[in-house]
Amino acid sequence: FPIWWYVAPTIVNTFLEQYDLSGKTIIPLATSGSSGMGNTNKELAVSCPGAELKEGKRFPADASAEELKAWAEGFGI
């Protein structure tokens, strides 16, 4: 998702709230031209109770597929 003023867009919270994510792991991956992750995890945590919310990462819009793959592989994905 794109970062909007240091948080995820509200639609991401709405999506998370539609499912029981208890016991699941959520790893935010975002893009932004300049904003960092800011309060993203704090804002998302209330929408996915019972899930393990890992620290995510913001990538620039022009991040390569190889860069994204290397990051994801660090989680054993």
PDB file of N, CA and C in Angstrom:
ATOM      1  N   PHE A   1       0.842  -1.189   0.000  1.00  0.00           N
ATOM      2  CA  PHE A   1       0.000   0.000   0.000  1.00  0.00           C
ATOM      3  C   PHE A   1       0.875   1.237   0.000  1.00  0.00           C
ATOM      4  N   PRO A   2       0.359   2.363  -0.447  1.00  0.00           N
ATOM      5  CA  PRO A   2       1.102   3.620  -0.365  1.00  0.00           C
ATOM      6  C   PRO A   2       0.984   4.207   1.044  1.00  0.00           C
ATOM      7  N   ILE A   3       2.037   4.822   1.499  1.00  0.00           N
ATOM      8  CA  ILE A   3       2.006   5.525   2.785  1.00  0.00           C
ATOM      9  C   ILE A   3       1.411   6.914   2.550  1.00  0.00           C
ATOM     10  N   TRP A   4       0.438   7.276   3.361  1.00  0.00           N
ATOM     11  CA  TRP A   4      -0.173   8.599   3.292  1.00  0.00           C
ATOM     12  C   TRP A   4       0.055   9.294   4.618  1.00  0.00           C
ATOM     13  N   TRP A   5       0.918  10.268   4.626  1.00  0.00           N
ATOM     14  CA  TRP A   5       1.214  11.025   5.835  1.00  0.00           C
ATOM     15  C   TRP A   5       1.606  10.106   6.993  1.00  0.00           C
ATOM     16  N   TYR A   6       2.503   9.176   6.714  1.00  0.00           N
ATOM     17  CA  TYR A   6       3.129   8.301   7.712  1.00  0.00           C
ATOM     18  C   TYR A   6       2.219   7.185   8.235  1.00  0.00           C
ATOM     19  N   VAL A   7       1.081   6.937   7.609  1.00  0.00           N
ATOM     20  CA  VAL A   7       0.211   5.823   7.977  1.00  0.00           C
ATOM     21  C   VAL A   7      -0.361   5.179   6.722  1.00  0.00           C
ATOM     22  N   ALA A   8      -0.878   3.967   6.889  1.00  0.00           N
ATOM     23  CA  ALA A   8      -1.532   3.271   5.783  1.00  0.00           C
ATOM     24  C   ALA A   8      -2.873   3.947   5.481  1.00  0.00           C
ATOM     25  N   PRO A   9      -3.336   3.891   4.239  1.00  0.00           N
ATOM     26  CA  PRO A   9      -4.658   4.434   3.935  1.00  0.00           C
ATOM     27  C   PRO A   9      -5.734   3.670   4.720  1.00  0.00           C
ATOM     28  N   THR A  10      -6.801   4.333   5.074  1.00  0.00           N
ATOM     29  CA  THR A  10      -7.875   3.747   5.874  1.00  0.00           C
ATOM     30  C   THR A  10      -8.409   2.455   5.276  1.00  0.00           C
ATOM     31  N   ILE A  11      -8.405   2.323   3.970  1.00  0.00           N
ATOM     32  CA  ILE A  11      -8.923   1.117   3.327  1.00  0.00           C
ATOM     33  C   ILE A  11      -8.144  -0.127   3.751  1.00  0.00           C
ATOM     34  N   VAL A  12      -6.874   0.023   4.122  1.00  0.00           N
ATOM     35  CA  VAL A  12      -6.083  -1.120   4.592  1.00  0.00           C
ATOM     36  C   VAL A  12      -6.640  -1.592   5.934  1.00  0.00           C
ATOM     37  N   ASN A  13      -6.952  -0.662   6.830  1.00  0.00           N
ATOM     38  CA  ASN A  13      -7.579  -1.039   8.105  1.00  0.00           C
ATOM     39  C   ASN A  13      -8.918  -1.730   7.857  1.00  0.00           C
ATOM     40  N   THR A  14      -9.698  -1.187   6.955  1.00  0.00           N
ATOM     41  CA  THR A  14     -10.998  -1.775   6.633  1.00  0.00           C
ATOM     42  C   THR A  14     -10.833  -3.206   6.130  1.00  0.00           C
ATOM     43  N   PHE A  15      -9.861  -3.438   5.279  1.00  0.00           N
ATOM     44  CA  PHE A  15      -9.585  -4.785   4.775  1.00  0.00           C
ATOM     45  C   PHE A  15      -9.234  -5.724   5.922  1.00  0.00           C
ATOM     46  N   LEU A  16      -8.320  -5.316   6.784  1.00  0.00           N
ATOM     47  CA  LEU A  16      -7.899  -6.167   7.901  1.00  0.00           C
ATOM     48  C   LEU A  16      -9.064  -6.498   8.831  1.00  0.00           C
ATOM     49  N   GLU A  17      -9.946  -5.551   9.036  1.00  0.00           N
ATOM     50  CA  GLU A  17     -11.074  -5.740   9.951  1.00  0.00           C
ATOM     51  C   GLU A  17     -12.101  -6.743   9.426  1.00  0.00           C
ATOM     52  N   GLN A  18     -12.040  -7.058   8.155  1.00  0.00           N
ATOM     53  CA  GLN A  18     -13.007  -7.982   7.548  1.00  0.00           C
ATOM     54  C   GLN A  18     -12.693  -9.447   7.832  1.00  0.00           C
ATOM     55  N   TYR A  19     -11.528  -9.736   8.378  1.00  0.00           N
ATOM     56  CA  TYR A  19     -11.081 -11.112   8.554  1.00  0.00           C
ATOM     57  C   TYR A  19     -10.617 -11.374   9.982  1.00  0.00           C
ATOM     58  N   ASP A  20     -10.743 -12.625  10.404  1.00  0.00           N
ATOM     59  CA  ASP A  20     -10.177 -13.041  11.680  1.00  0.00           C
ATOM     60  C   ASP A  20      -8.730 -13.440  11.397  1.00  0.00           C
ATOM     61  N   LEU A  21      -7.822 -12.610  11.772  1.00  0.00           N
ATOM     62  CA  LEU A  21      -6.403 -12.843  11.502  1.00  0.00           C
ATOM     63  C   LEU A  21      -5.657 -13.366  12.727  1.00  0.00           C
ATOM     64  N   SER A  22      -6.390 -13.849  13.702  1.00  0.00           N
ATOM     65  CA  SER A  22      -5.772 -14.409  14.907  1.00  0.00           C
ATOM     66  C   SER A  22      -4.785 -15.499  14.519  1.00  0.00           C
ATOM     67  N   GLY A  23      -3.587 -15.414  15.076  1.00  0.00           N
ATOM     68  CA  GLY A  23      -2.561 -16.407  14.809  1.00  0.00           C
ATOM     69  C   GLY A  23      -1.825 -16.217  13.492  1.00  0.00           C
ATOM     70  N   LYS A  24      -2.221 -15.237  12.709  1.00  0.00           N
ATOM     71  CA  LYS A  24      -1.557 -14.962  11.435  1.00  0.00           C
ATOM     72  C   LYS A  24      -0.455 -13.936  11.643  1.00  0.00           C
ATOM     73  N   THR A  25       0.490 -13.905  10.711  1.00  0.00           N
ATOM     74  CA  THR A  25       1.560 -12.917  10.729  1.00  0.00           C
ATOM     75  C   THR A  25       1.313 -11.917   9.616  1.00  0.00           C
ATOM     76  N   ILE A  26       1.374 -10.650   9.958  1.00  0.00           N
ATOM     77  CA  ILE A  26       1.182  -9.575   8.987  1.00  0.00           C
ATOM     78  C   ILE A  26       2.474  -8.776   8.921  1.00  0.00           C
ATOM     79  N   ILE A  27       2.966  -8.592   7.702  1.00  0.00           N
ATOM     80  CA  ILE A  27       4.200  -7.838   7.482  1.00  0.00           C
ATOM     81  C   ILE A  27       3.896  -6.731   6.476  1.00  0.00           C
ATOM     82  N   PRO A  28       3.728  -5.502   6.944  1.00  0.00           N
ATOM     83  CA  PRO A  28       3.396  -4.408   6.028  1.00  0.00           C
ATOM     84  C   PRO A  28       4.519  -4.119   5.027  1.00  0.00           C
ATOM     85  N   LEU A  29       4.138  -3.906   3.796  1.00  0.00           N
ATOM     86  CA  LEU A  29       5.042  -3.512   2.731  1.00  0.00           C
ATOM     87  C   LEU A  29       4.403  -2.299   2.083  1.00  0.00           C
ATOM     88  N   ALA A  30       5.112  -1.196   2.069  1.00  0.00           N
ATOM     89  CA  ALA A  30       4.535   0.046   1.579  1.00  0.00           C
ATOM     90  C   ALA A  30       5.468   0.736   0.595  1.00  0.00           C
ATOM     91  N   THR A  31       4.882   1.662  -0.151  1.00  0.00           N
ATOM     92  CA  THR A  31       5.661   2.506  -1.054  1.00  0.00           C
ATOM     93  C   THR A  31       5.385   3.965  -0.713  1.00  0.00           C
ATOM     94  N   SER A  32       6.361   4.800  -0.996  1.00  0.00           N
ATOM     95  CA  SER A  32       6.194   6.225  -0.773  1.00  0.00           C
ATOM     96  C   SER A  32       7.300   6.964  -1.489  1.00  0.00           C
ATOM     97  N   GLY A  33       6.967   8.159  -1.924  1.00  0.00           N
ATOM     98  CA  GLY A  33       7.977   9.002  -2.534  1.00  0.00           C
ATOM     99  C   GLY A  33       8.886   9.631  -1.501  1.00  0.00           C
ATOM    100  N   SER A  34       8.363   9.823  -0.263  1.00  0.00           N
ATOM    101  CA  SER A  34       9.202  10.448   0.748  1.00  0.00           C
ATOM    102  C   SER A  34       8.834  10.076   2.187  1.00  0.00           C
ATOM    103  N   SER A  35       7.568   9.832   2.470  1.00  0.00           N
ATOM    104  CA  SER A  35       7.158   9.543   3.849  1.00  0.00           C
ATOM    105  C   SER A  35       7.676   8.194   4.311  1.00  0.00           C
ATOM    106  N   GLY A  36       8.059   8.117   5.593  1.00  0.00           N
ATOM    107  CA  GLY A  36       8.465   6.854   6.182  1.00  0.00           C
ATOM    108  C   GLY A  36       7.258   6.104   6.722  1.00  0.00           C
ATOM    109  N   MET A  37       7.496   4.991   7.410  1.00  0.00           N
ATOM    110  CA  MET A  37       6.409   4.170   7.939  1.00  0.00           C
ATOM    111  C   MET A  37       5.701   4.848   9.110  1.00  0.00           C
ATOM    112  N   GLY A  38       6.383   5.761   9.810  1.00  0.00           N
ATOM    113  CA  GLY A  38       5.746   6.520  10.872  1.00  0.00           C
ATOM    114  C   GLY A  38       4.955   5.669  11.849  1.00  0.00           C
ATOM    115  N   ASN A  39       3.670   5.967  11.994  1.00  0.00           N
ATOM    116  CA  ASN A  39       2.783   5.271  12.938  1.00  0.00           C
ATOM    117  C   ASN A  39       2.015   4.116  12.302  1.00  0.00           C
ATOM    118  N   THR A  40       2.483   3.618  11.174  1.00  0.00           N
ATOM    119  CA  THR A  40       1.751   2.595  10.439  1.00  0.00           C
ATOM    120  C   THR A  40       1.381   1.405  11.307  1.00  0.00           C
ATOM    121  N   ASN A  41       2.336   0.788  11.979  1.00  0.00           N
ATOM    122  CA  ASN A  41       2.023  -0.402  12.777  1.00  0.00           C
ATOM    123  C   ASN A  41       1.079  -0.085  13.927  1.00  0.00           C
ATOM    124  N   LYS A  42       1.272   1.027  14.565  1.00  0.00           N
ATOM    125  CA  LYS A  42       0.390   1.410  15.668  1.00  0.00           C
ATOM    126  C   LYS A  42      -1.046   1.554  15.174  1.00  0.00           C
ATOM    127  N   GLU A  43      -1.218   2.148  14.022  1.00  0.00           N
ATOM    128  CA  GLU A  43      -2.554   2.351  13.460  1.00  0.00           C
ATOM    129  C   GLU A  43      -3.159   1.048  12.943  1.00  0.00           C
ATOM    130  N   LEU A  44      -2.337   0.141  12.421  1.00  0.00           N
ATOM    131  CA  LEU A  44      -2.854  -1.126  11.904  1.00  0.00           C
ATOM    132  C   LEU A  44      -3.164  -2.125  13.008  1.00  0.00           C
ATOM    133  N   ALA A  45      -2.445  -2.073  14.109  1.00  0.00           N
ATOM    134  CA  ALA A  45      -2.578  -3.067  15.181  1.00  0.00           C
ATOM    135  C   ALA A  45      -4.009  -3.179  15.698  1.00  0.00           C
ATOM    136  N   VAL A  46      -4.712  -2.085  15.795  1.00  0.00           N
ATOM    137  CA  VAL A  46      -6.083  -2.126  16.306  1.00  0.00           C
ATOM    138  C   VAL A  46      -7.034  -2.839  15.352  1.00  0.00           C
ATOM    139  N   SER A  47      -6.651  -2.952  14.087  1.00  0.00           N
ATOM    140  CA  SER A  47      -7.508  -3.570  13.074  1.00  0.00           C
ATOM    141  C   SER A  47      -7.266  -5.061  12.891  1.00  0.00           C
ATOM    142  N   CYS A  48      -6.248  -5.591  13.549  1.00  0.00           N
ATOM    143  CA  CYS A  48      -5.946  -7.026  13.393  1.00  0.00           C
ATOM    144  C   CYS A  48      -5.589  -7.650  14.742  1.00  0.00           C
ATOM    145  N   PRO A  49      -6.530  -7.603  15.702  1.00  0.00           N
ATOM    146  CA  PRO A  49      -6.260  -8.176  17.022  1.00  0.00           C
ATOM    147  C   PRO A  49      -5.965  -9.669  16.923  1.00  0.00           C
ATOM    148  N   GLY A  50      -4.991 -10.112  17.691  1.00  0.00           N
ATOM    149  CA  GLY A  50      -4.633 -11.528  17.702  1.00  0.00           C
ATOM    150  C   GLY A  50      -3.612 -11.913  16.655  1.00  0.00           C
ATOM    151  N   ALA A  51      -3.314 -11.008  15.741  1.00  0.00           N
ATOM    152  CA  ALA A  51      -2.306 -11.273  14.723  1.00  0.00           C
ATOM    153  C   ALA A  51      -0.944 -10.791  15.221  1.00  0.00           C
ATOM    154  N   GLU A  52       0.115 -11.389  14.685  1.00  0.00           N
ATOM    155  CA  GLU A  52       1.464 -10.903  14.968  1.00  0.00           C
ATOM    156  C   GLU A  52       1.811  -9.899  13.879  1.00  0.00           C
ATOM    157  N   LEU A  53       1.932  -8.650  14.270  1.00  0.00           N
ATOM    158  CA  LEU A  53       2.209  -7.575  13.327  1.00  0.00           C
ATOM    159  C   LEU A  53       3.701  -7.271  13.368  1.00  0.00           C
ATOM    160  N   LYS A  54       4.409  -7.694  12.337  1.00  0.00           N
ATOM    161  CA  LYS A  54       5.857  -7.477  12.251  1.00  0.00           C
ATOM    162  C   LYS A  54       6.142  -6.060  11.777  1.00  0.00           C
ATOM    163  N   GLU A  55       7.362  -5.630  12.031  1.00  0.00           N
ATOM    164  CA  GLU A  55       7.795  -4.334  11.527  1.00  0.00           C
ATOM    165  C   GLU A  55       7.914  -4.428  10.014  1.00  0.00           C
ATOM    166  N   GLY A  56       7.258  -3.542   9.316  1.00  0.00           N
ATOM    167  CA  GLY A  56       7.277  -3.560   7.863  1.00  0.00           C
ATOM    168  C   GLY A  56       8.393  -2.701   7.295  1.00  0.00           C
ATOM    169  N   LYS A  57       8.291  -2.455   6.027  1.00  0.00           N
ATOM    170  CA  LYS A  57       9.310  -1.651   5.358  1.00  0.00           C
ATOM    171  C   LYS A  57       8.667  -0.828   4.253  1.00  0.00           C
ATOM    172  N   ARG A  58       9.186   0.387   4.103  1.00  0.00           N
ATOM    173  CA  ARG A  58       8.773   1.261   3.014  1.00  0.00           C
ATOM    174  C   ARG A  58       9.821   1.181   1.922  1.00  0.00           C
ATOM    175  N   PHE A  59       9.344   1.004   0.713  1.00  0.00           N
ATOM    176  CA  PHE A  59      10.213   0.976  -0.450  1.00  0.00           C
ATOM    177  C   PHE A  59       9.890   2.167  -1.332  1.00  0.00           C
ATOM    178  N   PRO A  60      10.877   2.656  -2.076  1.00  0.00           N
ATOM    179  CA  PRO A  60      10.565   3.707  -3.045  1.00  0.00           C
ATOM    180  C   PRO A  60       9.716   3.112  -4.171  1.00  0.00           C
ATOM    181  N   ALA A  61       8.976   3.951  -4.845  1.00  0.00           N
ATOM    182  CA  ALA A  61       8.076   3.489  -5.906  1.00  0.00           C
ATOM    183  C   ALA A  61       8.812   2.731  -7.007  1.00  0.00           C
ATOM    184  N   ASP A  62      10.083   2.999  -7.185  1.00  0.00           N
ATOM    185  CA  ASP A  62      10.835   2.341  -8.257  1.00  0.00           C
ATOM    186  C   ASP A  62      11.638   1.131  -7.764  1.00  0.00           C
ATOM    187  N   ALA A  63      11.257   0.571  -6.623  1.00  0.00           N
ATOM    188  CA  ALA A  63      11.963  -0.609  -6.103  1.00  0.00           C
ATOM    189  C   ALA A  63      11.858  -1.748  -7.117  1.00  0.00           C
ATOM    190  N   SER A  64      12.937  -2.473  -7.264  1.00  0.00           N
ATOM    191  CA  SER A  64      12.966  -3.576  -8.227  1.00  0.00           C
ATOM    192  C   SER A  64      12.345  -4.839  -7.631  1.00  0.00           C
ATOM    193  N   ALA A  65      11.937  -5.724  -8.507  1.00  0.00           N
ATOM    194  CA  ALA A  65      11.394  -7.014  -8.065  1.00  0.00           C
ATOM    195  C   ALA A  65      12.444  -7.779  -7.271  1.00  0.00           C
ATOM    196  N   GLU A  66      13.686  -7.665  -7.667  1.00  0.00           N
ATOM    197  CA  GLU A  66      14.763  -8.359  -6.959  1.00  0.00           C
ATOM    198  C   GLU A  66      14.920  -7.832  -5.538  1.00  0.00           C
ATOM    199  N   GLU A  67      14.795  -6.526  -5.364  1.00  0.00           N
ATOM    200  CA  GLU A  67      14.898  -5.920  -4.032  1.00  0.00           C
ATOM    201  C   GLU A  67      13.756  -6.397  -3.130  1.00  0.00           C
ATOM    202  N   LEU A  68      12.548  -6.427  -3.677  1.00  0.00           N
ATOM    203  CA  LEU A  68      11.394  -6.895  -2.908  1.00  0.00           C
ATOM    204  C   LEU A  68      11.525  -8.374  -2.562  1.00  0.00           C
ATOM    205  N   LYS A  69      11.985  -9.158  -3.509  1.00  0.00           N
ATOM    206  CA  LYS A  69      12.157 -10.596  -3.277  1.00  0.00           C
ATOM    207  C   LYS A  69      13.190 -10.842  -2.182  1.00  0.00           C
ATOM    208  N   ALA A  70      14.300 -10.124  -2.233  1.00  0.00           N
ATOM    209  CA  ALA A  70      15.357 -10.300  -1.230  1.00  0.00           C
ATOM    210  C   ALA A  70      14.824  -9.953   0.159  1.00  0.00           C
ATOM    211  N   TRP A  71      14.031  -8.910   0.274  1.00  0.00           N
ATOM    212  CA  TRP A  71      13.449  -8.530   1.566  1.00  0.00           C
ATOM    213  C   TRP A  71      12.496  -9.618   2.062  1.00  0.00           C
ATOM    214  N   ALA A  72      11.618 -10.088   1.201  1.00  0.00           N
ATOM    215  CA  ALA A  72      10.646 -11.110   1.581  1.00  0.00           C
ATOM    216  C   ALA A  72      11.324 -12.413   1.977  1.00  0.00           C
ATOM    217  N   GLU A  73      12.389 -12.772   1.319  1.00  0.00           N
ATOM    218  CA  GLU A  73      13.095 -14.001   1.647  1.00  0.00           C
ATOM    219  C   GLU A  73      13.686 -13.958   3.048  1.00  0.00           C
ATOM    220  N   GLY A  74      13.922 -12.766   3.565  1.00  0.00           N
ATOM    221  CA  GLY A  74      14.420 -12.615   4.923  1.00  0.00           C
ATOM    222  C   GLY A  74      13.411 -13.074   5.962  1.00  0.00           C
ATOM    223  N   PHE A  75      12.153 -13.204   5.573  1.00  0.00           N
ATOM    224  CA  PHE A  75      11.099 -13.683   6.459  1.00  0.00           C
ATOM    225  C   PHE A  75      10.807 -15.158   6.236  1.00  0.00           C
ATOM    226  N   GLY A  76      11.562 -15.797   5.345  1.00  0.00           N
ATOM    227  CA  GLY A  76      11.334 -17.195   5.044  1.00  0.00           C
ATOM    228  C   GLY A  76      10.162 -17.418   4.104  1.00  0.00           C
ATOM    229  N   ILE A  77       9.812 -16.372   3.355  1.00  0.00           N
ATOM    230  CA  ILE A  77       8.683 -16.456   2.412  1.00  0.00           C
ATOM    231  C   ILE A  77       9.172 -16.975   1.067  1.00  0.00           C
TER     232      ILE A  77
END
